[in-house]
Amino acid sequence: MITGMSVATTVRRALGDGPMLARMSDVAAGLPAGAVAGAFLGGTLTGPLYTGVLAFAAVSLLFLALEELLREAHRRDGRPWVTGTLFLGLLVFLLVEQLIR
């Protein structure tokens, strides 16, 4: 949900306050084409290339979520320790996940 809201806000800022419905419908019309292309490419990739694409997608989503969290944290409280604790929490989460495996 956070990623969807982030994308919607970014698109709104980029497109301006003009005829928003027409512009958003153009973007929405491109989604099925992207889904078909993604399904085709996802079905043909194997091995390390497939793993690399999935890893890139996961890191991209993590980046978007962290970017939004950092913006909100700096808007409310701009102290550097807020950023540090966010990254420390993420690092601890990743380390615990690796230890569980």
PDB file of N, CA and C in Angstrom:
ATOM      1  N   MET A   1       0.819  -1.177   0.000  1.00  0.00           N
ATOM      2  CA  MET A   1       0.000   0.000   0.000  1.00  0.00           C
ATOM      3  C   MET A   1       0.871   1.251   0.000  1.00  0.00           C
ATOM      4  N   ILE A   2       1.959   1.230   0.747  1.00  0.00           N
ATOM      5  CA  ILE A   2       2.844   2.390   0.804  1.00  0.00           C
ATOM      6  C   ILE A   2       3.455   2.646  -0.569  1.00  0.00           C
ATOM      7  N   THR A   3       3.858   1.580  -1.239  1.00  0.00           N
ATOM      8  CA  THR A   3       4.457   1.741  -2.561  1.00  0.00           C
ATOM      9  C   THR A   3       3.448   2.315  -3.545  1.00  0.00           C
ATOM     10  N   GLY A   4       2.211   1.846  -3.505  1.00  0.00           N
ATOM     11  CA  GLY A   4       1.175   2.374  -4.390  1.00  0.00           C
ATOM     12  C   GLY A   4       0.906   3.840  -4.138  1.00  0.00           C
ATOM     13  N   MET A   5       0.858   4.221  -2.866  1.00  0.00           N
ATOM     14  CA  MET A   5       0.640   5.636  -2.537  1.00  0.00           C
ATOM     15  C   MET A   5       1.830   6.476  -2.987  1.00  0.00           C
ATOM     16  N   SER A   6       3.016   5.944  -2.830  1.00  0.00           N
ATOM     17  CA  SER A   6       4.210   6.662  -3.256  1.00  0.00           C
ATOM     18  C   SER A   6       4.213   6.884  -4.760  1.00  0.00           C
ATOM     19  N   VAL A   7       3.873   5.848  -5.513  1.00  0.00           N
ATOM     20  CA  VAL A   7       3.832   5.972  -6.970  1.00  0.00           C
ATOM     21  C   VAL A   7       2.755   6.959  -7.388  1.00  0.00           C
ATOM     22  N   ALA A   8       1.582   6.885  -6.765  1.00  0.00           N
ATOM     23  CA  ALA A   8       0.489   7.790  -7.113  1.00  0.00           C
ATOM     24  C   ALA A   8       0.869   9.241  -6.841  1.00  0.00           C
ATOM     25  N   THR A   9       1.524   9.497  -5.728  1.00  0.00           N
ATOM     26  CA  THR A   9       1.946  10.859  -5.396  1.00  0.00           C
ATOM     27  C   THR A   9       2.995  11.349  -6.376  1.00  0.00           C
ATOM     28  N   THR A  10       3.947  10.508  -6.730  1.00  0.00           N
ATOM     29  CA  THR A  10       4.986  10.880  -7.681  1.00  0.00           C
ATOM     30  C   THR A  10       4.401  11.185  -9.051  1.00  0.00           C
ATOM     31  N   VAL A  11       3.470  10.338  -9.489  1.00  0.00           N
ATOM     32  CA  VAL A  11       2.836  10.557 -10.789  1.00  0.00           C
ATOM     33  C   VAL A  11       2.046  11.859 -10.774  1.00  0.00           C
ATOM     34  N   ARG A  12       1.347  12.113  -9.696  1.00  0.00           N
ATOM     35  CA  ARG A  12       0.562  13.353  -9.601  1.00  0.00           C
ATOM     36  C   ARG A  12       1.466  14.579  -9.669  1.00  0.00           C
ATOM     37  N   ARG A  13       2.582  14.542  -8.969  1.00  0.00           N
ATOM     38  CA  ARG A  13       3.519  15.672  -9.013  1.00  0.00           C
ATOM     39  C   ARG A  13       4.117  15.843 -10.410  1.00  0.00           C
ATOM     40  N   ALA A  14       4.432  14.741 -11.052  1.00  0.00           N
ATOM     41  CA  ALA A  14       5.058  14.807 -12.373  1.00  0.00           C
ATOM     42  C   ALA A  14       4.084  15.285 -13.436  1.00  0.00           C
ATOM     43  N   LEU A  15       2.823  14.891 -13.325  1.00  0.00           N
ATOM     44  CA  LEU A  15       1.859  15.237 -14.354  1.00  0.00           C
ATOM     45  C   LEU A  15       1.173  16.572 -14.118  1.00  0.00           C
ATOM     46  N   GLY A  16       1.266  17.098 -12.931  1.00  0.00           N
ATOM     47  CA  GLY A  16       0.637  18.388 -12.659  1.00  0.00           C
ATOM     48  C   GLY A  16      -0.840  18.235 -12.328  1.00  0.00           C
ATOM     49  N   ASP A  17      -1.543  19.373 -12.284  1.00  0.00           N
ATOM     50  CA  ASP A  17      -2.952  19.376 -11.903  1.00  0.00           C
ATOM     51  C   ASP A  17      -3.879  19.515 -13.099  1.00  0.00           C
ATOM     52  N   GLY A  18      -3.392  19.232 -14.296  1.00  0.00           N
ATOM     53  CA  GLY A  18      -4.218  19.319 -15.503  1.00  0.00           C
ATOM     54  C   GLY A  18      -5.262  18.226 -15.536  1.00  0.00           C
ATOM     55  N   PRO A  19      -5.633  17.773 -16.696  1.00  0.00           N
ATOM     56  CA  PRO A  19      -6.648  16.714 -16.806  1.00  0.00           C
ATOM     57  C   PRO A  19      -6.098  15.392 -16.272  1.00  0.00           C
ATOM     58  N   MET A  20      -6.147  15.255 -14.977  1.00  0.00           N
ATOM     59  CA  MET A  20      -5.512  14.134 -14.297  1.00  0.00           C
ATOM     60  C   MET A  20      -6.126  12.792 -14.688  1.00  0.00           C
ATOM     61  N   LEU A  21      -7.434  12.746 -14.838  1.00  0.00           N
ATOM     62  CA  LEU A  21      -8.069  11.467 -15.134  1.00  0.00           C
ATOM     63  C   LEU A  21      -7.584  10.889 -16.466  1.00  0.00           C
ATOM     64  N   ALA A  22      -7.453  11.749 -17.470  1.00  0.00           N
ATOM     65  CA  ALA A  22      -6.983  11.282 -18.779  1.00  0.00           C
ATOM     66  C   ALA A  22      -5.540  10.793 -18.689  1.00  0.00           C
ATOM     67  N   ARG A  23      -4.723  11.493 -17.969  1.00  0.00           N
ATOM     68  CA  ARG A  23      -3.319  11.089 -17.851  1.00  0.00           C
ATOM     69  C   ARG A  23      -3.177   9.806 -17.055  1.00  0.00           C
ATOM     70  N   MET A  24      -3.942   9.682 -15.975  1.00  0.00           N
ATOM     71  CA  MET A  24      -3.869   8.466 -15.171  1.00  0.00           C
ATOM     72  C   MET A  24      -4.409   7.262 -15.947  1.00  0.00           C
ATOM     73  N   SER A  25      -5.420   7.487 -16.785  1.00  0.00           N
ATOM     74  CA  SER A  25      -5.935   6.365 -17.565  1.00  0.00           C
ATOM     75  C   SER A  25      -4.914   5.916 -18.609  1.00  0.00           C
ATOM     76  N   ASP A  26      -4.118   6.849 -19.122  1.00  0.00           N
ATOM     77  CA  ASP A  26      -3.048   6.459 -20.043  1.00  0.00           C
ATOM     78  C   ASP A  26      -2.020   5.581 -19.338  1.00  0.00           C
ATOM     79  N   VAL A  27      -1.685   5.960 -18.110  1.00  0.00           N
ATOM     80  CA  VAL A  27      -0.735   5.158 -17.333  1.00  0.00           C
ATOM     81  C   VAL A  27      -1.338   3.792 -17.027  1.00  0.00           C
ATOM     82  N   ALA A  28      -2.613   3.776 -16.645  1.00  0.00           N
ATOM     83  CA  ALA A  28      -3.278   2.509 -16.318  1.00  0.00           C
ATOM     84  C   ALA A  28      -3.397   1.609 -17.547  1.00  0.00           C
ATOM     85  N   ALA A  29      -3.548   2.207 -18.732  1.00  0.00           N
ATOM     86  CA  ALA A  29      -3.654   1.408 -19.954  1.00  0.00           C
ATOM     87  C   ALA A  29      -2.338   0.701 -20.269  1.00  0.00           C
ATOM     88  N   GLY A  30      -1.222   1.259 -19.836  1.00  0.00           N
ATOM     89  CA  GLY A  30       0.073   0.638 -20.082  1.00  0.00           C
ATOM     90  C   GLY A  30       0.383  -0.518 -19.145  1.00  0.00           C
ATOM     91  N   LEU A  31      -0.350  -0.638 -18.037  1.00  0.00           N
ATOM     92  CA  LEU A  31      -0.072  -1.698 -17.073  1.00  0.00           C
ATOM     93  C   LEU A  31      -0.300  -3.100 -17.632  1.00  0.00           C
ATOM     94  N   PRO A  32      -1.377  -3.364 -18.356  1.00  0.00           N
ATOM     95  CA  PRO A  32      -1.523  -4.727 -18.910  1.00  0.00           C
ATOM     96  C   PRO A  32      -0.403  -5.103 -19.874  1.00  0.00           C
ATOM     97  N   ALA A  33       0.042  -4.144 -20.677  1.00  0.00           N
ATOM     98  CA  ALA A  33       1.150  -4.441 -21.590  1.00  0.00           C
ATOM     99  C   ALA A  33       2.411  -4.789 -20.804  1.00  0.00           C
ATOM    100  N   GLY A  34       2.640  -4.069 -19.727  1.00  0.00           N
ATOM    101  CA  GLY A  34       3.791  -4.369 -18.882  1.00  0.00           C
ATOM    102  C   GLY A  34       3.664  -5.721 -18.196  1.00  0.00           C
ATOM    103  N   ALA A  35       2.440  -6.076 -17.812  1.00  0.00           N
ATOM    104  CA  ALA A  35       2.221  -7.381 -17.182  1.00  0.00           C
ATOM    105  C   ALA A  35       2.481  -8.521 -18.157  1.00  0.00           C
ATOM    106  N   VAL A  36       2.034  -8.345 -19.399  1.00  0.00           N
ATOM    107  CA  VAL A  36       2.261  -9.389 -20.410  1.00  0.00           C
ATOM    108  C   VAL A  36       3.758  -9.519 -20.705  1.00  0.00           C
ATOM    109  N   ALA A  37       4.426  -8.373 -20.861  1.00  0.00           N
ATOM    110  CA  ALA A  37       5.869  -8.412 -21.129  1.00  0.00           C
ATOM    111  C   ALA A  37       6.617  -9.040 -19.953  1.00  0.00           C
ATOM    112  N   GLY A  38       6.218  -8.701 -18.726  1.00  0.00           N
ATOM    113  CA  GLY A  38       6.856  -9.282 -17.551  1.00  0.00           C
ATOM    114  C   GLY A  38       6.630 -10.775 -17.436  1.00  0.00           C
ATOM    115  N   ALA A  39       5.421 -11.216 -17.753  1.00  0.00           N
ATOM    116  CA  ALA A  39       5.136 -12.653 -17.702  1.00  0.00           C
ATOM    117  C   ALA A  39       5.947 -13.403 -18.760  1.00  0.00           C
ATOM    118  N   PHE A  40       6.073 -12.818 -19.940  1.00  0.00           N
ATOM    119  CA  PHE A  40       6.858 -13.462 -20.993  1.00  0.00           C
ATOM    120  C   PHE A  40       8.327 -13.554 -20.603  1.00  0.00           C
ATOM    121  N   LEU A  41       8.880 -12.431 -20.135  1.00  0.00           N
ATOM    122  CA  LEU A  41      10.295 -12.429 -19.751  1.00  0.00           C
ATOM    123  C   LEU A  41      10.537 -13.301 -18.522  1.00  0.00           C
ATOM    124  N   GLY A  42       9.607 -13.260 -17.574  1.00  0.00           N
ATOM    125  CA  GLY A  42       9.762 -14.080 -16.375  1.00  0.00           C
ATOM    126  C   GLY A  42       9.719 -15.563 -16.686  1.00  0.00           C
ATOM    127  N   GLY A  43       8.963 -15.944 -17.715  1.00  0.00           N
ATOM    128  CA  GLY A  43       8.881 -17.346 -18.089  1.00  0.00           C
ATOM    129  C   GLY A  43      10.094 -17.839 -18.842  1.00  0.00           C
ATOM    130  N   THR A  44      10.827 -16.933 -19.467  1.00  0.00           N
ATOM    131  CA  THR A  44      11.994 -17.346 -20.245  1.00  0.00           C
ATOM    132  C   THR A  44      13.299 -17.285 -19.460  1.00  0.00           C
ATOM    133  N   LEU A  45      13.321 -16.545 -18.364  1.00  0.00           N
ATOM    134  CA  LEU A  45      14.549 -16.434 -17.568  1.00  0.00           C
ATOM    135  C   LEU A  45      14.718 -17.658 -16.685  1.00  0.00           C
ATOM    136  N   THR A  46      15.944 -18.113 -16.547  1.00  0.00           N
ATOM    137  CA  THR A  46      16.232 -19.245 -15.672  1.00  0.00           C
ATOM    138  C   THR A  46      17.540 -18.997 -14.943  1.00  0.00           C
ATOM    139  N   GLY A  47      17.736 -19.727 -13.888  1.00  0.00           N
ATOM    140  CA  GLY A  47      19.003 -19.723 -13.171  1.00  0.00           C
ATOM    141  C   GLY A  47      19.369 -18.387 -12.563  1.00  0.00           C
ATOM    142  N   PRO A  48      20.649 -18.024 -12.648  1.00  0.00           N
ATOM    143  CA  PRO A  48      21.138 -16.808 -12.003  1.00  0.00           C
ATOM    144  C   PRO A  48      20.488 -15.527 -12.535  1.00  0.00           C
ATOM    145  N   LEU A  49      20.119 -15.506 -13.790  1.00  0.00           N
ATOM    146  CA  LEU A  49      19.493 -14.311 -14.348  1.00  0.00           C
ATOM    147  C   LEU A  49      18.133 -14.064 -13.700  1.00  0.00           C
ATOM    148  N   TYR A  50      17.372 -15.122 -13.502  1.00  0.00           N
ATOM    149  CA  TYR A  50      16.069 -15.010 -12.839  1.00  0.00           C
ATOM    150  C   TYR A  50      16.248 -14.543 -11.390  1.00  0.00           C
ATOM    151  N   THR A  51      17.226 -15.103 -10.712  1.00  0.00           N
ATOM    152  CA  THR A  51      17.523 -14.697  -9.338  1.00  0.00           C
ATOM    153  C   THR A  51      17.922 -13.240  -9.283  1.00  0.00           C
ATOM    154  N   GLY A  52      18.714 -12.798 -10.250  1.00  0.00           N
ATOM    155  CA  GLY A  52      19.127 -11.397 -10.296  1.00  0.00           C
ATOM    156  C   GLY A  52      17.962 -10.449 -10.507  1.00  0.00           C
ATOM    157  N   VAL A  53      17.026 -10.827 -11.366  1.00  0.00           N
ATOM    158  CA  VAL A  53      15.854  -9.979 -11.604  1.00  0.00           C
ATOM    159  C   VAL A  53      15.005  -9.895 -10.340  1.00  0.00           C
ATOM    160  N   LEU A  54      14.791 -11.018  -9.670  1.00  0.00           N
ATOM    161  CA  LEU A  54      14.014 -11.001  -8.427  1.00  0.00           C
ATOM    162  C   LEU A  54      14.708 -10.205  -7.338  1.00  0.00           C
ATOM    163  N   ALA A  55      16.038 -10.323  -7.249  1.00  0.00           N
ATOM    164  CA  ALA A  55      16.789  -9.563  -6.254  1.00  0.00           C
ATOM    165  C   ALA A  55      16.694  -8.061  -6.537  1.00  0.00           C
ATOM    166  N   PHE A  56      16.793  -7.689  -7.799  1.00  0.00           N
ATOM    167  CA  PHE A  56      16.669  -6.278  -8.166  1.00  0.00           C
ATOM    168  C   PHE A  56      15.286  -5.751  -7.804  1.00  0.00           C
ATOM    169  N   ALA A  57      14.250  -6.540  -8.062  1.00  0.00           N
ATOM    170  CA  ALA A  57      12.891  -6.113  -7.732  1.00  0.00           C
ATOM    171  C   ALA A  57      12.721  -5.936  -6.223  1.00  0.00           C
ATOM    172  N   ALA A  58      13.258  -6.857  -5.451  1.00  0.00           N
ATOM    173  CA  ALA A  58      13.136  -6.762  -3.996  1.00  0.00           C
ATOM    174  C   ALA A  58      13.882  -5.547  -3.458  1.00  0.00           C
ATOM    175  N   VAL A  59      15.072  -5.310  -3.959  1.00  0.00           N
ATOM    176  CA  VAL A  59      15.857  -4.164  -3.501  1.00  0.00           C
ATOM    177  C   VAL A  59      15.188  -2.860  -3.920  1.00  0.00           C
ATOM    178  N   SER A  60      14.582  -2.830  -5.089  1.00  0.00           N
ATOM    179  CA  SER A  60      13.882  -1.630  -5.539  1.00  0.00           C
ATOM    180  C   SER A  60      12.718  -1.295  -4.613  1.00  0.00           C
ATOM    181  N   LEU A  61      11.956  -2.313  -4.224  1.00  0.00           N
ATOM    182  CA  LEU A  61      10.844  -2.072  -3.311  1.00  0.00           C
ATOM    183  C   LEU A  61      11.331  -1.652  -1.929  1.00  0.00           C
ATOM    184  N   LEU A  62      12.416  -2.255  -1.465  1.00  0.00           N
ATOM    185  CA  LEU A  62      12.998  -1.828  -0.185  1.00  0.00           C
ATOM    186  C   LEU A  62      13.450  -0.382  -0.246  1.00  0.00           C
ATOM    187  N   PHE A  63      14.072   0.003  -1.356  1.00  0.00           N
ATOM    188  CA  PHE A  63      14.530   1.380  -1.510  1.00  0.00           C
ATOM    189  C   PHE A  63      13.359   2.356  -1.465  1.00  0.00           C
ATOM    190  N   LEU A  64      12.281   2.037  -2.177  1.00  0.00           N
ATOM    191  CA  LEU A  64      11.113   2.925  -2.174  1.00  0.00           C
ATOM    192  C   LEU A  64      10.534   3.073  -0.776  1.00  0.00           C
ATOM    193  N   ALA A  65      10.408   1.961  -0.068  1.00  0.00           N
ATOM    194  CA  ALA A  65       9.838   2.022   1.280  1.00  0.00           C
ATOM    195  C   ALA A  65      10.744   2.813   2.221  1.00  0.00           C
ATOM    196  N   LEU A  66      12.049   2.546   2.175  1.00  0.00           N
ATOM    197  CA  LEU A  66      12.975   3.274   3.046  1.00  0.00           C
ATOM    198  C   LEU A  66      13.033   4.752   2.699  1.00  0.00           C
ATOM    199  N   GLU A  67      12.974   5.074   1.433  1.00  0.00           N
ATOM    200  CA  GLU A  67      13.002   6.476   1.023  1.00  0.00           C
ATOM    201  C   GLU A  67      11.799   7.227   1.591  1.00  0.00           C
ATOM    202  N   GLU A  68      10.625   6.624   1.528  1.00  0.00           N
ATOM    203  CA  GLU A  68       9.425   7.256   2.071  1.00  0.00           C
ATOM    204  C   GLU A  68       9.521   7.381   3.588  1.00  0.00           C
ATOM    205  N   LEU A  69      10.027   6.335   4.253  1.00  0.00           N
ATOM    206  CA  LEU A  69      10.177   6.409   5.707  1.00  0.00           C
ATOM    207  C   LEU A  69      11.159   7.493   6.115  1.00  0.00           C
ATOM    208  N   LEU A  70      12.254   7.612   5.377  1.00  0.00           N
ATOM    209  CA  LEU A  70      13.244   8.637   5.707  1.00  0.00           C
ATOM    210  C   LEU A  70      12.703  10.038   5.463  1.00  0.00           C
ATOM    211  N   ARG A  71      11.960  10.227   4.401  1.00  0.00           N
ATOM    212  CA  ARG A  71      11.363  11.542   4.156  1.00  0.00           C
ATOM    213  C   ARG A  71      10.426  11.936   5.288  1.00  0.00           C
ATOM    214  N   GLU A  72       9.596  11.005   5.707  1.00  0.00           N
ATOM    215  CA  GLU A  72       8.648  11.280   6.785  1.00  0.00           C
ATOM    216  C   GLU A  72       9.386  11.539   8.093  1.00  0.00           C
ATOM    217  N   ALA A  73      10.425  10.758   8.359  1.00  0.00           N
ATOM    218  CA  ALA A  73      11.189  10.949   9.594  1.00  0.00           C
ATOM    219  C   ALA A  73      11.888  12.303   9.605  1.00  0.00           C
ATOM    220  N   HIS A  74      12.443  12.715   8.490  1.00  0.00           N
ATOM    221  CA  HIS A  74      13.131  14.013   8.447  1.00  0.00           C
ATOM    222  C   HIS A  74      12.151  15.167   8.461  1.00  0.00           C
ATOM    223  N   ARG A  75      10.951  14.936   7.977  1.00  0.00           N
ATOM    224  CA  ARG A  75       9.953  16.001   8.004  1.00  0.00           C
ATOM    225  C   ARG A  75       9.498  16.252   9.439  1.00  0.00           C
ATOM    226  N   ARG A  76       9.385  15.195  10.215  1.00  0.00           N
ATOM    227  CA  ARG A  76       8.915  15.338  11.594  1.00  0.00           C
ATOM    228  C   ARG A  76      10.050  15.641  12.560  1.00  0.00           C
ATOM    229  N   ASP A  77      11.169  14.978  12.369  1.00  0.00           N
ATOM    230  CA  ASP A  77      12.290  15.132  13.297  1.00  0.00           C
ATOM    231  C   ASP A  77      13.570  14.928  12.490  1.00  0.00           C
ATOM    232  N   GLY A  78      14.308  15.998  12.222  1.00  0.00           N
ATOM    233  CA  GLY A  78      15.438  15.924  11.310  1.00  0.00           C
ATOM    234  C   GLY A  78      16.758  15.511  11.920  1.00  0.00           C
ATOM    235  N   ARG A  79      16.744  14.884  13.083  1.00  0.00           N
ATOM    236  CA  ARG A  79      18.002  14.501  13.719  1.00  0.00           C
ATOM    237  C   ARG A  79      18.614  13.273  13.046  1.00  0.00           C
ATOM    238  N   PRO A  80      19.946  13.215  12.941  1.00  0.00           N
ATOM    239  CA  PRO A  80      20.599  12.110  12.227  1.00  0.00           C
ATOM    240  C   PRO A  80      20.419  10.748  12.886  1.00  0.00           C
ATOM    241  N   TRP A  81      20.190  10.691  14.170  1.00  0.00           N
ATOM    242  CA  TRP A  81      20.061   9.389  14.820  1.00  0.00           C
ATOM    243  C   TRP A  81      18.809   8.657  14.355  1.00  0.00           C
ATOM    244  N   VAL A  82      17.821   9.393  13.865  1.00  0.00           N
ATOM    245  CA  VAL A  82      16.615   8.751  13.353  1.00  0.00           C
ATOM    246  C   VAL A  82      16.974   7.900  12.133  1.00  0.00           C
ATOM    247  N   THR A  83      17.765   8.463  11.226  1.00  0.00           N
ATOM    248  CA  THR A  83      18.207   7.726  10.041  1.00  0.00           C
ATOM    249  C   THR A  83      19.059   6.530  10.447  1.00  0.00           C
ATOM    250  N   GLY A  84      19.946   6.738  11.389  1.00  0.00           N
ATOM    251  CA  GLY A  84      20.821   5.655  11.850  1.00  0.00           C
ATOM    252  C   GLY A  84      20.052   4.500  12.451  1.00  0.00           C
ATOM    253  N   THR A  85      19.048   4.787  13.275  1.00  0.00           N
ATOM    254  CA  THR A  85      18.276   3.709  13.880  1.00  0.00           C
ATOM    255  C   THR A  85      17.443   2.968  12.844  1.00  0.00           C
ATOM    256  N   LEU A  86      16.982   3.659  11.822  1.00  0.00           N
ATOM    257  CA  LEU A  86      16.230   2.991  10.762  1.00  0.00           C
ATOM    258  C   LEU A  86      17.111   1.975  10.037  1.00  0.00           C
ATOM    259  N   PHE A  87      18.316   2.389   9.662  1.00  0.00           N
ATOM    260  CA  PHE A  87      19.218   1.470   8.978  1.00  0.00           C
ATOM    261  C   PHE A  87      19.736   0.378   9.905  1.00  0.00           C
ATOM    262  N   LEU A  88      19.942   0.696  11.165  1.00  0.00           N
ATOM    263  CA  LEU A  88      20.363  -0.320  12.130  1.00  0.00           C
ATOM    264  C   LEU A  88      19.274  -1.384  12.297  1.00  0.00           C
ATOM    265  N   GLY A  89      18.012  -0.953  12.370  1.00  0.00           N
ATOM    266  CA  GLY A  89      16.905  -1.902  12.464  1.00  0.00           C
ATOM    267  C   GLY A  89      16.830  -2.798  11.247  1.00  0.00           C
ATOM    268  N   LEU A  90      17.029  -2.233  10.063  1.00  0.00           N
ATOM    269  CA  LEU A  90      17.027  -3.036   8.842  1.00  0.00           C
ATOM    270  C   LEU A  90      18.178  -4.035   8.841  1.00  0.00           C
ATOM    271  N   LEU A  91      19.349  -3.615   9.276  1.00  0.00           N
ATOM    272  CA  LEU A  91      20.508  -4.499   9.334  1.00  0.00           C
ATOM    273  C   LEU A  91      20.278  -5.642  10.325  1.00  0.00           C
ATOM    274  N   VAL A  92      19.720  -5.323  11.483  1.00  0.00           N
ATOM    275  CA  VAL A  92      19.437  -6.363  12.479  1.00  0.00           C
ATOM    276  C   VAL A  92      18.429  -7.357  11.922  1.00  0.00           C
ATOM    277  N   PHE A  93      17.402  -6.864  11.247  1.00  0.00           N
ATOM    278  CA  PHE A  93      16.400  -7.743  10.639  1.00  0.00           C
ATOM    279  C   PHE A  93      17.046  -8.690   9.635  1.00  0.00           C
ATOM    280  N   LEU A  94      17.907  -8.166   8.766  1.00  0.00           N
ATOM    281  CA  LEU A  94      18.569  -9.019   7.777  1.00  0.00           C
ATOM    282  C   LEU A  94      19.505 -10.034   8.423  1.00  0.00           C
ATOM    283  N   LEU A  95      20.228  -9.619   9.462  1.00  0.00           N
ATOM    284  CA  LEU A  95      21.134 -10.543  10.145  1.00  0.00           C
ATOM    285  C   LEU A  95      20.363 -11.658  10.858  1.00  0.00           C
ATOM    286  N   VAL A  96      19.265 -11.308  11.512  1.00  0.00           N
ATOM    287  CA  VAL A  96      18.460 -12.327  12.200  1.00  0.00           C
ATOM    288  C   VAL A  96      17.892 -13.317  11.182  1.00  0.00           C
ATOM    289  N   GLU A  97      17.462 -12.819  10.039  1.00  0.00           N
ATOM    290  CA  GLU A  97      16.943 -13.708   9.000  1.00  0.00           C
ATOM    291  C   GLU A  97      18.026 -14.681   8.531  1.00  0.00           C
ATOM    292  N   GLN A  98      19.240 -14.200   8.368  1.00  0.00           N
ATOM    293  CA  GLN A  98      20.334 -15.079   7.943  1.00  0.00           C
ATOM    294  C   GLN A  98      20.687 -16.103   9.016  1.00  0.00           C
ATOM    295  N   LEU A  99      20.609 -15.711  10.280  1.00  0.00           N
ATOM    296  CA  LEU A  99      20.917 -16.642  11.364  1.00  0.00           C
ATOM    297  C   LEU A  99      19.861 -17.733  11.510  1.00  0.00           C
ATOM    298  N   ILE A 100      18.618 -17.423  11.193  1.00  0.00           N
ATOM    299  CA  ILE A 100      17.538 -18.402  11.295  1.00  0.00           C
ATOM    300  C   ILE A 100      17.674 -19.489  10.249  1.00  0.00           C
ATOM    301  N   ARG A 101      18.135 -19.131   9.081  1.00  0.00           N
ATOM    302  CA  ARG A 101      18.278 -20.117   7.988  1.00  0.00           C
ATOM    303  C   ARG A 101      19.278 -21.117   8.377  1.00  0.00           C
TER     304      ARG A 101
END
